Amino acid sequence: MSVRVVIADDQREVRHGLSMLLSAEDDLEVVGLAEDGARACELAARERPDVVVMDIRMPGVDGIEATRRIVQERDGDDEVTTVLVLTTFDHDDALYGALRAGASGYMLKDAAPSRLPDAIRRVADGGSWIDPGVAGKVIDTLRRTAPKDAAGLPDLTVLSKRELEVLTLMGEAPSNTDLASMLCVSESTVKTHISRLLMKTGSAERSQLVALAYKSGLVRP
């Protein structure tokens, strides 16, 4: 099956250039082009794409706010829409704002021609994609700046209702297959939720999320 993609960028030539690039791939289908964040949200709600390729700096609703709205809109759905941010900006506010909003990937535009199709496939399958040029900074800063509660644990109030449910079940289900069955969703959707949990809590790996579920009292031995 094709991966269905919406492209959001305020520059017309960029939108159409990316559309041509992706349309050359047999397994990628561009189902909408948006000139700003508000239009991206409209297309995401109507077309239910697998991935939105999202610019950050756009008029009106910017890419970070649009990402937050799209992620929240489909938070409890059987299949989620993932967001891959594609931007020229690598400064901290843009980078961490996008990831905290729920983006599954962050790519700089100068890498797009050679890496964008693979990045889209990765996030559509529930994985994450961080541009190599900012990867080290992302991991370090997410660990240091993830909100903490009074006990020094990651603040779970930043998680959505669905993310809390996934985190709780992770203490009981040993595999993504089990989680998918318990939640009645696909394994790729489970992977997406876990990827967002890692980003929002500043965790480096799945085992830390399981430990967090116990330490926070979501799961009791």
C-alpha atoms as a PDB file:
ATOM      1  CA  MET A   1       0.000   0.000   0.000  1.00  0.00           C
ATOM      2  CA  SER A   2       1.130   3.555  -0.731  1.00  0.00           C
ATOM      3  CA  VAL A   3       2.121   5.969   2.018  1.00  0.00           C
ATOM      4  CA  ARG A   4      -0.258   8.939   1.719  1.00  0.00           C
ATOM      5  CA  VAL A   5       1.440  12.312   2.205  1.00  0.00           C
ATOM      6  CA  VAL A   6       0.389  15.948   2.681  1.00  0.00           C
ATOM      7  CA  ILE A   7       3.023  18.644   2.088  1.00  0.00           C
ATOM      8  CA  ALA A   8       2.805  21.939   4.003  1.00  0.00           C
ATOM      9  CA  ASP A   9       5.100  24.822   3.001  1.00  0.00           C
ATOM     10  CA  ASP A  10       4.390  28.494   2.395  1.00  0.00           C
ATOM     11  CA  GLN A  11       6.582  28.603  -0.734  1.00  0.00           C
ATOM     12  CA  ARG A  12       4.741  27.385  -3.823  1.00  0.00           C
ATOM     13  CA  GLU A  13       7.896  26.262  -5.621  1.00  0.00           C
ATOM     14  CA  VAL A  14       8.952  24.192  -2.613  1.00  0.00           C
ATOM     15  CA  ARG A  15       5.546  22.504  -2.354  1.00  0.00           C
ATOM     16  CA  HIS A  16       5.507  21.536  -5.992  1.00  0.00           C
ATOM     17  CA  GLY A  17       9.179  20.536  -6.027  1.00  0.00           C
ATOM     18  CA  LEU A  18       8.653  18.184  -3.103  1.00  0.00           C
ATOM     19  CA  SER A  19       5.496  16.842  -4.710  1.00  0.00           C
ATOM     20  CA  MET A  20       7.403  15.980  -7.895  1.00  0.00           C
ATOM     21  CA  LEU A  21      10.190  14.369  -5.857  1.00  0.00           C
ATOM     22  CA  LEU A  22       7.804  12.155  -3.900  1.00  0.00           C
ATOM     23  CA  SER A  23       5.533  11.326  -6.827  1.00  0.00           C
ATOM     24  CA  ALA A  24       8.503   9.672  -8.518  1.00  0.00           C
ATOM     25  CA  GLU A  25       8.454   7.033  -5.766  1.00  0.00           C
ATOM     26  CA  ASP A  26       6.142   4.077  -6.460  1.00  0.00           C
ATOM     27  CA  ASP A  27       5.071   3.705  -2.817  1.00  0.00           C
ATOM     28  CA  LEU A  28       4.473   7.379  -1.969  1.00  0.00           C
ATOM     29  CA  GLU A  29       1.297   9.274  -2.893  1.00  0.00           C
ATOM     30  CA  VAL A  30       0.896  13.045  -2.413  1.00  0.00           C
ATOM     31  CA  VAL A  31      -2.747  13.672  -1.486  1.00  0.00           C
ATOM     32  CA  GLY A  32      -2.621  17.377  -0.639  1.00  0.00           C
ATOM     33  CA  LEU A  33      -0.595  20.598  -0.681  1.00  0.00           C
ATOM     34  CA  ALA A  34      -0.979  23.248   2.021  1.00  0.00           C
ATOM     35  CA  GLU A  35       0.317  26.819   2.027  1.00  0.00           C
ATOM     36  CA  ASP A  36       0.069  27.284   5.803  1.00  0.00           C
ATOM     37  CA  GLY A  37      -0.559  25.452   9.057  1.00  0.00           C
ATOM     38  CA  ALA A  38      -4.315  26.001   9.091  1.00  0.00           C
ATOM     39  CA  ARG A  39      -4.676  24.450   5.653  1.00  0.00           C
ATOM     40  CA  ALA A  40      -2.409  21.562   6.717  1.00  0.00           C
ATOM     41  CA  CYS A  41      -4.783  20.831   9.608  1.00  0.00           C
ATOM     42  CA  GLU A  42      -7.781  20.922   7.262  1.00  0.00           C
ATOM     43  CA  LEU A  43      -6.152  18.516   4.811  1.00  0.00           C
ATOM     44  CA  ALA A  44      -5.009  16.199   7.610  1.00  0.00           C
ATOM     45  CA  ALA A  45      -8.575  15.995   8.935  1.00  0.00           C
ATOM     46  CA  ARG A  46     -10.094  15.438   5.484  1.00  0.00           C
ATOM     47  CA  GLU A  47      -7.538  13.203   3.780  1.00  0.00           C
ATOM     48  CA  ARG A  48      -6.306  11.245   6.816  1.00  0.00           C
ATOM     49  CA  PRO A  49      -2.747  10.999   5.411  1.00  0.00           C
ATOM     50  CA  ASP A  50      -0.101   8.740   6.895  1.00  0.00           C
ATOM     51  CA  VAL A  51       2.459  11.572   7.018  1.00  0.00           C
ATOM     52  CA  VAL A  52       2.396  15.373   6.911  1.00  0.00           C
ATOM     53  CA  VAL A  53       5.667  16.929   5.746  1.00  0.00           C
ATOM     54  CA  MET A  54       5.589  20.188   7.695  1.00  0.00           C
ATOM     55  CA  ASP A  55       7.518  23.442   7.365  1.00  0.00           C
ATOM     56  CA  ILE A  56       7.852  25.449  10.586  1.00  0.00           C
ATOM     57  CA  ARG A  57       7.760  29.116   9.627  1.00  0.00           C
ATOM     58  CA  MET A  58       4.461  29.767   7.846  1.00  0.00           C
ATOM     59  CA  PRO A  59       1.947  32.644   8.049  1.00  0.00           C
ATOM     60  CA  GLY A  60      -0.948  32.398  10.487  1.00  0.00           C
ATOM     61  CA  VAL A  61      -0.783  28.987  12.140  1.00  0.00           C
ATOM     62  CA  ASP A  62       2.873  27.958  12.154  1.00  0.00           C
ATOM     63  CA  GLY A  63       4.190  24.416  11.754  1.00  0.00           C
ATOM     64  CA  ILE A  64       4.647  23.759  15.469  1.00  0.00           C
ATOM     65  CA  GLU A  65       1.057  24.662  16.355  1.00  0.00           C
ATOM     66  CA  ALA A  66      -0.232  22.762  13.299  1.00  0.00           C
ATOM     67  CA  THR A  67       1.737  19.704  14.407  1.00  0.00           C
ATOM     68  CA  ARG A  68       0.213  19.899  17.886  1.00  0.00           C
ATOM     69  CA  ARG A  69      -3.312  20.137  16.473  1.00  0.00           C
ATOM     70  CA  ILE A  70      -2.858  17.272  14.014  1.00  0.00           C
ATOM     71  CA  VAL A  71      -1.363  14.960  16.638  1.00  0.00           C
ATOM     72  CA  GLN A  72      -4.090  15.758  19.166  1.00  0.00           C
ATOM     73  CA  GLU A  73      -6.867  15.388  16.588  1.00  0.00           C
ATOM     74  CA  ARG A  74      -5.931  11.782  15.796  1.00  0.00           C
ATOM     75  CA  ASP A  75      -4.564  10.797  19.202  1.00  0.00           C
ATOM     76  CA  GLY A  76      -7.135   8.077  19.856  1.00  0.00           C
ATOM     77  CA  ASP A  77      -7.622   6.872  16.284  1.00  0.00           C
ATOM     78  CA  ASP A  78      -6.814   3.355  15.138  1.00  0.00           C
ATOM     79  CA  GLU A  79      -4.341   4.823  12.635  1.00  0.00           C
ATOM     80  CA  VAL A  80      -2.488   8.050  13.387  1.00  0.00           C
ATOM     81  CA  THR A  81      -1.061  10.770  11.183  1.00  0.00           C
ATOM     82  CA  THR A  82       2.633  11.342  11.819  1.00  0.00           C
ATOM     83  CA  VAL A  83       4.405  14.635  11.207  1.00  0.00           C
ATOM     84  CA  LEU A  84       7.849  14.993   9.666  1.00  0.00           C
ATOM     85  CA  VAL A  85       9.173  18.534  10.071  1.00  0.00           C
ATOM     86  CA  LEU A  86      11.174  19.767   7.075  1.00  0.00           C
ATOM     87  CA  THR A  87      12.787  23.138   7.654  1.00  0.00           C
ATOM     88  CA  THR A  88      15.841  25.328   7.168  1.00  0.00           C
ATOM     89  CA  PHE A  89      15.958  26.102  10.892  1.00  0.00           C
ATOM     90  CA  ASP A  90      18.087  24.093  13.297  1.00  0.00           C
ATOM     91  CA  HIS A  91      17.851  26.413  16.323  1.00  0.00           C
ATOM     92  CA  ASP A  92      16.643  25.046  19.633  1.00  0.00           C
ATOM     93  CA  ASP A  93      13.199  26.687  19.794  1.00  0.00           C
ATOM     94  CA  ALA A  94      12.153  25.232  16.443  1.00  0.00           C
ATOM     95  CA  LEU A  95      13.717  21.845  17.061  1.00  0.00           C
ATOM     96  CA  TYR A  96      12.394  21.156  20.541  1.00  0.00           C
ATOM     97  CA  GLY A  97       9.100  22.910  19.937  1.00  0.00           C
ATOM     98  CA  ALA A  98       8.362  20.565  17.038  1.00  0.00           C
ATOM     99  CA  LEU A  99       9.347  17.419  18.934  1.00  0.00           C
ATOM    100  CA  ARG A 100       7.419  18.400  22.064  1.00  0.00           C
ATOM    101  CA  ALA A 101       4.393  19.076  19.867  1.00  0.00           C
ATOM    102  CA  GLY A 102       4.501  15.457  18.746  1.00  0.00           C
ATOM    103  CA  ALA A 103       6.518  15.465  15.517  1.00  0.00           C
ATOM    104  CA  SER A 104       8.027  12.075  14.717  1.00  0.00           C
ATOM    105  CA  GLY A 105      10.892  13.465  12.676  1.00  0.00           C
ATOM    106  CA  TYR A 106      12.982  16.552  12.016  1.00  0.00           C
ATOM    107  CA  MET A 107      14.858  17.066   8.746  1.00  0.00           C
ATOM    108  CA  LEU A 108      16.786  20.023   7.345  1.00  0.00           C
ATOM    109  CA  LYS A 109      15.800  21.045   3.823  1.00  0.00           C
ATOM    110  CA  ASP A 110      19.257  20.692   2.353  1.00  0.00           C
ATOM    111  CA  ALA A 111      19.021  16.923   3.012  1.00  0.00           C
ATOM    112  CA  ALA A 112      15.578  16.518   1.434  1.00  0.00           C
ATOM    113  CA  PRO A 113      16.436  15.393  -2.122  1.00  0.00           C
ATOM    114  CA  SER A 114      18.378  12.335  -1.019  1.00  0.00           C
ATOM    115  CA  ARG A 115      16.741  11.435   2.306  1.00  0.00           C
ATOM    116  CA  LEU A 116      13.141  12.624   2.352  1.00  0.00           C
ATOM    117  CA  PRO A 117      11.504   9.503   0.820  1.00  0.00           C
ATOM    118  CA  ASP A 118      13.240   7.200   3.305  1.00  0.00           C
ATOM    119  CA  ALA A 119      12.411   9.527   6.206  1.00  0.00           C
ATOM    120  CA  ILE A 120       8.733   9.480   5.241  1.00  0.00           C
ATOM    121  CA  ARG A 121       8.737   5.691   5.090  1.00  0.00           C
ATOM    122  CA  ARG A 122      10.404   5.507   8.495  1.00  0.00           C
ATOM    123  CA  VAL A 123       7.937   7.742  10.323  1.00  0.00           C
ATOM    124  CA  ALA A 124       4.975   6.174   8.507  1.00  0.00           C
ATOM    125  CA  ASP A 125       6.076   2.831   9.952  1.00  0.00           C
ATOM    126  CA  GLY A 126       6.069   4.267  13.461  1.00  0.00           C
ATOM    127  CA  GLY A 127       9.750   5.111  13.693  1.00  0.00           C
ATOM    128  CA  SER A 128      11.474   8.454  14.130  1.00  0.00           C
ATOM    129  CA  TRP A 129      13.898  10.412  11.985  1.00  0.00           C
ATOM    130  CA  ILE A 130      16.271  13.062  13.281  1.00  0.00           C
ATOM    131  CA  ASP A 131      18.605  14.830  10.872  1.00  0.00           C
ATOM    132  CA  PRO A 132      22.180  13.676  11.577  1.00  0.00           C
ATOM    133  CA  GLY A 133      23.254  17.312  11.793  1.00  0.00           C
ATOM    134  CA  VAL A 134      21.169  17.881  14.930  1.00  0.00           C
ATOM    135  CA  ALA A 135      20.789  14.361  16.349  1.00  0.00           C
ATOM    136  CA  GLY A 136      23.386  14.671  19.107  1.00  0.00           C
ATOM    137  CA  LYS A 137      21.987  17.992  20.286  1.00  0.00           C
ATOM    138  CA  VAL A 138      18.447  16.611  20.282  1.00  0.00           C
ATOM    139  CA  ILE A 139      19.199  13.590  22.430  1.00  0.00           C
ATOM    140  CA  ASP A 140      21.257  15.540  24.952  1.00  0.00           C
ATOM    141  CA  THR A 141      18.790  18.378  25.331  1.00  0.00           C
ATOM    142  CA  LEU A 142      15.685  16.202  25.508  1.00  0.00           C
ATOM    143  CA  ARG A 143      17.241  14.330  28.410  1.00  0.00           C
ATOM    144  CA  ARG A 144      18.154  17.551  30.229  1.00  0.00           C
ATOM    145  CA  THR A 145      15.022  19.578  29.585  1.00  0.00           C
ATOM    146  CA  ALA A 146      12.176  17.054  29.810  1.00  0.00           C
ATOM    147  CA  PRO A 147       9.724  18.500  32.390  1.00  0.00           C
ATOM    148  CA  LYS A 148      10.065  16.883  35.837  1.00  0.00           C
ATOM    149  CA  ASP A 149       7.580  16.450  38.654  1.00  0.00           C
ATOM    150  CA  ALA A 150       8.235  16.996  42.372  1.00  0.00           C
ATOM    151  CA  ALA A 151       9.856  13.561  42.663  1.00  0.00           C
ATOM    152  CA  GLY A 152      12.275  14.278  39.829  1.00  0.00           C
ATOM    153  CA  LEU A 153      10.506  11.940  37.404  1.00  0.00           C
ATOM    154  CA  PRO A 154       9.391  13.021  33.915  1.00  0.00           C
ATOM    155  CA  ASP A 155       6.198  15.075  34.210  1.00  0.00           C
ATOM    156  CA  LEU A 156       3.408  12.895  32.847  1.00  0.00           C
ATOM    157  CA  THR A 157       1.017  15.840  32.484  1.00  0.00           C
ATOM    158  CA  VAL A 158       2.687  16.579  29.129  1.00  0.00           C
ATOM    159  CA  LEU A 159       1.357  13.262  27.799  1.00  0.00           C
ATOM    160  CA  SER A 160      -1.949  12.835  26.010  1.00  0.00           C
ATOM    161  CA  LYS A 161      -4.635  10.486  27.319  1.00  0.00           C
ATOM    162  CA  ARG A 162      -3.678   7.888  24.717  1.00  0.00           C
ATOM    163  CA  GLU A 163       0.029   8.176  25.522  1.00  0.00           C
ATOM    164  CA  LEU A 164      -0.696   7.614  29.214  1.00  0.00           C
ATOM    165  CA  GLU A 165      -2.693   4.527  28.294  1.00  0.00           C
ATOM    166  CA  VAL A 166       0.191   3.177  26.194  1.00  0.00           C
ATOM    167  CA  LEU A 167       2.714   3.882  28.945  1.00  0.00           C
ATOM    168  CA  THR A 168       0.542   2.069  31.495  1.00  0.00           C
ATOM    169  CA  LEU A 169       0.115  -0.973  29.268  1.00  0.00           C
ATOM    170  CA  MET A 170       3.846  -1.132  28.568  1.00  0.00           C
ATOM    171  CA  GLY A 171       4.290  -2.371  32.124  1.00  0.00           C
ATOM    172  CA  GLU A 172       2.067  -5.346  31.315  1.00  0.00           C
ATOM    173  CA  ALA A 173       2.683  -6.151  27.635  1.00  0.00           C
ATOM    174  CA  PRO A 174       6.142  -7.375  26.586  1.00  0.00           C
ATOM    175  CA  SER A 175       5.879  -6.624  22.874  1.00  0.00           C
ATOM    176  CA  ASN A 176       4.437  -4.207  20.329  1.00  0.00           C
ATOM    177  CA  THR A 177       2.261  -7.037  19.037  1.00  0.00           C
ATOM    178  CA  ASP A 178       0.678  -7.445  22.476  1.00  0.00           C
ATOM    179  CA  LEU A 179       0.172  -3.695  22.802  1.00  0.00           C
ATOM    180  CA  ALA A 180      -1.421  -3.499  19.358  1.00  0.00           C
ATOM    181  CA  SER A 181      -3.834  -6.278  20.294  1.00  0.00           C
ATOM    182  CA  MET A 182      -4.770  -4.673  23.607  1.00  0.00           C
ATOM    183  CA  LEU A 183      -5.327  -1.252  22.017  1.00  0.00           C
ATOM    184  CA  CYS A 184      -6.944  -2.619  18.825  1.00  0.00           C
ATOM    185  CA  VAL A 185      -4.535  -0.662  16.614  1.00  0.00           C
ATOM    186  CA  SER A 186      -1.735  -1.523  14.199  1.00  0.00           C
ATOM    187  CA  GLU A 187       1.835  -2.120  15.318  1.00  0.00           C
ATOM    188  CA  SER A 188       2.977   0.961  13.409  1.00  0.00           C
ATOM    189  CA  THR A 189       0.554   3.059  15.480  1.00  0.00           C
ATOM    190  CA  VAL A 190       2.010   1.551  18.649  1.00  0.00           C
ATOM    191  CA  LYS A 191       5.518   2.404  17.453  1.00  0.00           C
ATOM    192  CA  THR A 192       4.436   6.003  16.838  1.00  0.00           C
ATOM    193  CA  HIS A 193       3.054   6.361  20.373  1.00  0.00           C
ATOM    194  CA  ILE A 194       6.227   4.886  21.864  1.00  0.00           C
ATOM    195  CA  SER A 195       8.372   7.227  19.762  1.00  0.00           C
ATOM    196  CA  ARG A 196       6.423  10.221  21.086  1.00  0.00           C
ATOM    197  CA  LEU A 197       6.718   8.929  24.656  1.00  0.00           C
ATOM    198  CA  LEU A 198      10.486   8.717  24.283  1.00  0.00           C
ATOM    199  CA  MET A 199      10.647  12.295  22.979  1.00  0.00           C
ATOM    200  CA  LYS A 200       8.337  13.821  25.600  1.00  0.00           C
ATOM    201  CA  THR A 201       9.877  12.082  28.606  1.00  0.00           C
ATOM    202  CA  GLY A 202      13.494  12.405  27.469  1.00  0.00           C
ATOM    203  CA  SER A 203      13.915   8.629  27.657  1.00  0.00           C
ATOM    204  CA  ALA A 204      16.590   6.932  25.591  1.00  0.00           C
ATOM    205  CA  GLU A 205      15.043   3.482  25.250  1.00  0.00           C
ATOM    206  CA  ARG A 206      11.938   1.389  25.815  1.00  0.00           C
ATOM    207  CA  SER A 207      13.153  -0.101  29.114  1.00  0.00           C
ATOM    208  CA  GLN A 208      13.255   3.380  30.645  1.00  0.00           C
ATOM    209  CA  LEU A 209       9.597   3.871  29.757  1.00  0.00           C
ATOM    210  CA  VAL A 210       8.677   0.578  31.434  1.00  0.00           C
ATOM    211  CA  ALA A 211      10.609   1.637  34.537  1.00  0.00           C
ATOM    212  CA  LEU A 212       8.841   5.023  34.466  1.00  0.00           C
ATOM    213  CA  ALA A 213       5.442   3.295  34.383  1.00  0.00           C
ATOM    214  CA  TYR A 214       6.320   1.575  37.672  1.00  0.00           C
ATOM    215  CA  LYS A 215       8.124   4.480  39.350  1.00  0.00           C
ATOM    216  CA  SER A 216       5.281   6.874  38.625  1.00  0.00           C
ATOM    217  CA  GLY A 217       2.682   4.486  40.055  1.00  0.00           C
ATOM    218  CA  LEU A 218       0.858   3.894  36.769  1.00  0.00           C
ATOM    219  CA  VAL A 219       1.658   0.202  37.165  1.00  0.00           C
ATOM    220  CA  ARG A 220       2.067  -1.569  40.480  1.00  0.00           C
ATOM    221  CA  PRO A 221       4.084  -4.780  40.989  1.00  0.00           C
END
